[in-house]
Amino acid sequence: MHAITGYLDFRPEERDETVAAIEAVTARSRKDAGCVDYWWSEDLEQPCRFRFFECWETKDDFDAHQAQPYEHVFMTDHVSRIVGADAHVFSIVDRRSAVGG
C-alpha cells in the first residue's frame, strides 16, 4: 500500500471556500479505484491548517488518482494558494484490524 499524510495551511479569509473544496475532493477521491482511506481534518490548535491522510492499494492507484481532472482542478485552484505545507509518503506492507474485527 501507498500512503501520504501531511498538512496544508490556507489563508483564514479562504477558509469557507477551502472547506467546500476539500469536501468535494474527498467525496470524489473516495470513489477512485484503489482508495483504502482518504480524509481531511482541520487542526484544532491551528485554524486553517488542514491535515490529510490518503492510503491507496498501490502507487499506481495513487498516480491514477493524481491524474484525475478533478484532482488537477483542486491542486490548481486551492493547493496553489497554500501558505505552508509538509507531507510524508509511506509504503505499508500489511494491514489488519486493531480491534480484532
N, C-alpha and C. Protein backbone atom coordinates (compact mmCIF):
# COMPACT_ATOMS: atom_id res chain seq x y z
N MET A 1 0.83 -1.18 0.00
CA MET A 1 0.00 0.00 0.00
C MET A 1 0.88 1.24 0.00
N HIS A 2 0.28 2.31 -0.47
CA HIS A 2 0.97 3.59 -0.61
C HIS A 2 0.17 4.63 0.16
N ALA A 3 0.81 5.36 1.07
CA ALA A 3 0.11 6.36 1.87
C ALA A 3 0.87 7.68 1.87
N ILE A 4 0.12 8.75 1.99
CA ILE A 4 0.71 10.08 2.12
C ILE A 4 -0.09 10.83 3.18
N THR A 5 0.63 11.53 4.04
CA THR A 5 -0.01 12.30 5.10
C THR A 5 0.74 13.61 5.28
N GLY A 6 0.04 14.61 5.77
CA GLY A 6 0.68 15.89 5.99
C GLY A 6 -0.34 16.96 6.30
N TYR A 7 0.02 18.19 6.02
CA TYR A 7 -0.90 19.30 6.24
C TYR A 7 -0.68 20.38 5.19
N LEU A 8 -1.73 21.18 5.01
CA LEU A 8 -1.67 22.37 4.16
C LEU A 8 -2.25 23.52 4.96
N ASP A 9 -1.58 24.65 4.94
CA ASP A 9 -2.06 25.87 5.60
C ASP A 9 -2.68 26.79 4.55
N PHE A 10 -3.90 27.25 4.84
CA PHE A 10 -4.61 28.16 3.95
C PHE A 10 -4.84 29.48 4.67
N ARG A 11 -5.12 30.52 3.91
CA ARG A 11 -5.41 31.84 4.48
C ARG A 11 -6.78 31.82 5.16
N PRO A 12 -6.90 32.46 6.32
CA PRO A 12 -8.18 32.48 7.04
C PRO A 12 -9.34 33.00 6.20
N GLU A 13 -9.10 33.98 5.37
CA GLU A 13 -10.18 34.54 4.55
C GLU A 13 -10.66 33.57 3.46
N GLU A 14 -9.92 32.49 3.24
CA GLU A 14 -10.30 31.49 2.24
C GLU A 14 -10.84 30.21 2.89
N ARG A 15 -11.06 30.23 4.20
CA ARG A 15 -11.43 29.01 4.92
C ARG A 15 -12.71 28.37 4.39
N ASP A 16 -13.79 29.14 4.24
CA ASP A 16 -15.05 28.55 3.80
C ASP A 16 -14.94 27.94 2.41
N GLU A 17 -14.27 28.63 1.53
CA GLU A 17 -14.05 28.11 0.17
C GLU A 17 -13.18 26.85 0.22
N THR A 18 -12.18 26.86 1.09
CA THR A 18 -11.29 25.71 1.24
C THR A 18 -12.06 24.49 1.75
N VAL A 19 -12.89 24.69 2.77
CA VAL A 19 -13.67 23.58 3.32
C VAL A 19 -14.59 22.98 2.25
N ALA A 20 -15.24 23.82 1.49
CA ALA A 20 -16.13 23.33 0.42
C ALA A 20 -15.34 22.53 -0.62
N ALA A 21 -14.17 23.01 -0.98
CA ALA A 21 -13.33 22.31 -1.96
C ALA A 21 -12.84 20.97 -1.41
N ILE A 22 -12.46 20.96 -0.14
CA ILE A 22 -11.99 19.72 0.50
C ILE A 22 -13.13 18.70 0.56
N GLU A 23 -14.33 19.15 0.91
CA GLU A 23 -15.47 18.24 0.95
C GLU A 23 -15.71 17.62 -0.42
N ALA A 24 -15.64 18.43 -1.47
CA ALA A 24 -15.88 17.93 -2.83
C ALA A 24 -14.79 16.96 -3.28
N VAL A 25 -13.52 17.30 -3.04
CA VAL A 25 -12.43 16.43 -3.49
C VAL A 25 -12.41 15.14 -2.69
N THR A 26 -12.81 15.19 -1.42
CA THR A 26 -12.87 13.98 -0.61
C THR A 26 -13.93 13.03 -1.12
N ALA A 27 -15.12 13.54 -1.37
CA ALA A 27 -16.22 12.70 -1.86
C ALA A 27 -15.83 12.03 -3.17
N ARG A 28 -15.19 12.76 -4.06
CA ARG A 28 -14.79 12.20 -5.37
C ARG A 28 -13.63 11.22 -5.21
N SER A 29 -12.64 11.55 -4.40
CA SER A 29 -11.45 10.71 -4.26
C SER A 29 -11.78 9.35 -3.67
N ARG A 30 -12.70 9.31 -2.72
CA ARG A 30 -13.07 8.05 -2.08
C ARG A 30 -13.69 7.06 -3.06
N LYS A 31 -14.12 7.54 -4.21
CA LYS A 31 -14.71 6.66 -5.24
C LYS A 31 -13.66 6.12 -6.21
N ASP A 32 -12.45 6.65 -6.17
CA ASP A 32 -11.41 6.21 -7.10
C ASP A 32 -10.96 4.78 -6.80
N ALA A 33 -10.64 4.07 -7.85
CA ALA A 33 -10.15 2.69 -7.72
C ALA A 33 -8.92 2.66 -6.83
N GLY A 34 -8.88 1.71 -5.92
CA GLY A 34 -7.71 1.52 -5.07
C GLY A 34 -7.68 2.38 -3.82
N CYS A 35 -8.69 3.22 -3.60
CA CYS A 35 -8.70 4.07 -2.41
C CYS A 35 -9.02 3.23 -1.17
N VAL A 36 -8.10 3.19 -0.23
CA VAL A 36 -8.30 2.48 1.03
C VAL A 36 -8.85 3.44 2.07
N ASP A 37 -8.27 4.64 2.14
CA ASP A 37 -8.71 5.65 3.11
C ASP A 37 -8.31 7.01 2.58
N TYR A 38 -9.18 8.00 2.82
CA TYR A 38 -8.92 9.35 2.35
C TYR A 38 -9.68 10.30 3.26
N TRP A 39 -8.97 11.18 3.98
CA TRP A 39 -9.66 12.13 4.84
C TRP A 39 -8.85 13.39 5.07
N TRP A 40 -9.57 14.43 5.50
CA TRP A 40 -9.00 15.72 5.88
C TRP A 40 -9.59 16.10 7.23
N SER A 41 -8.85 16.88 8.01
CA SER A 41 -9.34 17.36 9.28
C SER A 41 -8.64 18.68 9.60
N GLU A 42 -9.42 19.65 10.06
CA GLU A 42 -8.81 20.91 10.45
C GLU A 42 -8.12 20.74 11.80
N ASP A 43 -6.92 21.24 11.91
CA ASP A 43 -6.14 21.16 13.14
C ASP A 43 -6.85 21.97 14.23
N LEU A 44 -7.05 21.37 15.40
CA LEU A 44 -7.75 22.05 16.49
C LEU A 44 -6.94 23.19 17.11
N GLU A 45 -5.62 23.13 16.97
CA GLU A 45 -4.78 24.15 17.57
C GLU A 45 -4.35 25.24 16.59
N GLN A 46 -4.46 24.95 15.29
CA GLN A 46 -4.05 25.93 14.29
C GLN A 46 -5.14 26.04 13.23
N PRO A 47 -6.06 26.98 13.41
CA PRO A 47 -7.12 27.16 12.42
C PRO A 47 -6.55 27.38 11.02
N CYS A 48 -7.23 26.87 10.06
CA CYS A 48 -6.87 26.95 8.64
C CYS A 48 -5.68 26.07 8.28
N ARG A 49 -5.26 25.20 9.20
CA ARG A 49 -4.31 24.14 8.88
C ARG A 49 -5.14 22.87 8.73
N PHE A 50 -5.10 22.30 7.54
CA PHE A 50 -5.87 21.10 7.26
C PHE A 50 -4.93 19.92 7.09
N ARG A 51 -5.12 18.93 7.93
CA ARG A 51 -4.31 17.70 7.88
C ARG A 51 -5.01 16.69 7.00
N PHE A 52 -4.22 15.92 6.27
CA PHE A 52 -4.80 14.93 5.35
C PHE A 52 -4.10 13.59 5.50
N PHE A 53 -4.82 12.56 5.10
CA PHE A 53 -4.27 11.21 5.03
C PHE A 53 -4.91 10.52 3.85
N GLU A 54 -4.08 9.95 3.00
CA GLU A 54 -4.54 9.16 1.86
C GLU A 54 -3.82 7.82 1.90
N CYS A 55 -4.56 6.74 1.66
CA CYS A 55 -3.96 5.42 1.54
C CYS A 55 -4.55 4.74 0.31
N TRP A 56 -3.68 4.20 -0.51
CA TRP A 56 -4.05 3.59 -1.78
C TRP A 56 -3.51 2.18 -1.83
N GLU A 57 -4.21 1.29 -2.49
CA GLU A 57 -3.77 -0.10 -2.62
C GLU A 57 -2.36 -0.18 -3.22
N THR A 58 -2.10 0.65 -4.23
CA THR A 58 -0.79 0.65 -4.90
C THR A 58 -0.39 2.07 -5.27
N LYS A 59 0.87 2.24 -5.57
CA LYS A 59 1.33 3.54 -6.06
C LYS A 59 0.69 3.86 -7.39
N ASP A 60 0.45 2.86 -8.22
CA ASP A 60 -0.23 3.10 -9.50
C ASP A 60 -1.63 3.65 -9.28
N ASP A 61 -2.35 3.15 -8.25
CA ASP A 61 -3.67 3.69 -7.94
C ASP A 61 -3.57 5.15 -7.52
N PHE A 62 -2.57 5.47 -6.70
CA PHE A 62 -2.34 6.85 -6.28
C PHE A 62 -2.03 7.73 -7.48
N ASP A 63 -1.15 7.26 -8.37
CA ASP A 63 -0.79 8.03 -9.56
C ASP A 63 -2.01 8.27 -10.44
N ALA A 64 -2.86 7.25 -10.59
CA ALA A 64 -4.09 7.40 -11.39
C ALA A 64 -5.01 8.44 -10.75
N HIS A 65 -5.11 8.41 -9.44
CA HIS A 65 -5.90 9.41 -8.71
C HIS A 65 -5.35 10.81 -8.97
N GLN A 66 -4.04 10.97 -8.86
CA GLN A 66 -3.41 12.27 -9.08
C GLN A 66 -3.64 12.79 -10.50
N ALA A 67 -3.85 11.89 -11.45
CA ALA A 67 -4.04 12.27 -12.85
C ALA A 67 -5.48 12.65 -13.18
N GLN A 68 -6.40 12.46 -12.24
CA GLN A 68 -7.81 12.77 -12.50
C GLN A 68 -8.01 14.27 -12.71
N PRO A 69 -8.88 14.64 -13.65
CA PRO A 69 -9.13 16.08 -13.89
C PRO A 69 -9.59 16.83 -12.64
N TYR A 70 -10.44 16.23 -11.83
CA TYR A 70 -10.91 16.93 -10.63
C TYR A 70 -9.76 17.19 -9.65
N GLU A 71 -8.78 16.30 -9.63
CA GLU A 71 -7.62 16.49 -8.76
C GLU A 71 -6.76 17.65 -9.27
N HIS A 72 -6.61 17.76 -10.58
CA HIS A 72 -5.86 18.88 -11.16
C HIS A 72 -6.55 20.21 -10.82
N VAL A 73 -7.87 20.25 -10.88
CA VAL A 73 -8.60 21.47 -10.54
C VAL A 73 -8.36 21.83 -9.08
N PHE A 74 -8.45 20.86 -8.18
CA PHE A 74 -8.22 21.12 -6.76
C PHE A 74 -6.80 21.65 -6.54
N MET A 75 -5.83 21.02 -7.16
CA MET A 75 -4.44 21.45 -6.99
C MET A 75 -4.24 22.87 -7.54
N THR A 76 -4.80 23.16 -8.70
CA THR A 76 -4.64 24.47 -9.33
C THR A 76 -5.39 25.56 -8.59
N ASP A 77 -6.65 25.29 -8.24
CA ASP A 77 -7.50 26.32 -7.66
C ASP A 77 -7.29 26.51 -6.16
N HIS A 78 -6.78 25.51 -5.45
CA HIS A 78 -6.70 25.62 -4.00
C HIS A 78 -5.30 25.36 -3.45
N VAL A 79 -4.70 24.26 -3.78
CA VAL A 79 -3.38 23.94 -3.23
C VAL A 79 -2.33 24.95 -3.70
N SER A 80 -2.54 25.53 -4.85
CA SER A 80 -1.59 26.54 -5.34
C SER A 80 -1.56 27.79 -4.47
N ARG A 81 -2.56 27.96 -3.58
CA ARG A 81 -2.64 29.16 -2.75
C ARG A 81 -2.22 28.92 -1.29
N ILE A 82 -1.68 27.77 -1.00
CA ILE A 82 -1.31 27.48 0.39
C ILE A 82 -0.20 28.42 0.86
N VAL A 83 -0.14 28.58 2.19
CA VAL A 83 0.89 29.45 2.79
C VAL A 83 1.86 28.64 3.64
N GLY A 84 1.68 27.32 3.68
CA GLY A 84 2.57 26.43 4.41
C GLY A 84 2.16 24.99 4.16
N ALA A 85 3.12 24.08 4.26
CA ALA A 85 2.81 22.67 3.99
C ALA A 85 3.93 21.77 4.46
N ASP A 86 3.55 20.50 4.68
CA ASP A 86 4.51 19.43 4.90
C ASP A 86 3.79 18.13 4.57
N ALA A 87 4.52 17.14 4.11
CA ALA A 87 3.92 15.85 3.77
C ALA A 87 4.97 14.76 3.81
N HIS A 88 4.50 13.53 4.05
CA HIS A 88 5.37 12.36 4.07
C HIS A 88 4.69 11.22 3.34
N VAL A 89 5.48 10.43 2.65
CA VAL A 89 4.99 9.25 1.93
C VAL A 89 5.43 8.01 2.68
N PHE A 90 4.51 7.04 2.79
CA PHE A 90 4.80 5.78 3.47
C PHE A 90 4.48 4.62 2.54
N SER A 91 5.30 3.60 2.60
CA SER A 91 4.99 2.32 1.96
C SER A 91 4.58 1.37 3.07
N ILE A 92 3.39 0.83 2.96
CA ILE A 92 2.83 -0.03 4.01
C ILE A 92 2.80 -1.46 3.50
N VAL A 93 3.28 -2.38 4.28
CA VAL A 93 3.36 -3.77 3.83
C VAL A 93 2.22 -4.64 4.32
N ASP A 94 1.46 -4.18 5.33
CA ASP A 94 0.41 -5.03 5.89
C ASP A 94 -0.68 -4.15 6.49
N ARG A 95 -1.87 -4.71 6.56
CA ARG A 95 -2.99 -4.03 7.21
C ARG A 95 -3.86 -5.08 7.88
N ARG A 96 -4.23 -4.82 9.14
CA ARG A 96 -5.13 -5.72 9.87
C ARG A 96 -5.89 -4.91 10.90
N SER A 97 -6.99 -5.42 11.37
CA SER A 97 -7.81 -4.73 12.34
C SER A 97 -7.09 -4.62 13.67
N ALA A 98 -7.17 -3.47 14.28
CA ALA A 98 -6.60 -3.27 15.62
C ALA A 98 -7.61 -3.58 16.71
N VAL A 99 -8.86 -3.87 16.33
CA VAL A 99 -9.90 -4.16 17.30
C VAL A 99 -10.40 -5.59 17.18
N GLY A 100 -9.67 -6.40 16.43
CA GLY A 100 -9.97 -7.83 16.33
C GLY A 100 -11.14 -8.19 15.43
N GLY A 101 -11.60 -7.24 14.62
CA GLY A 101 -12.75 -7.49 13.75
C GLY A 101 -12.42 -8.02 12.40
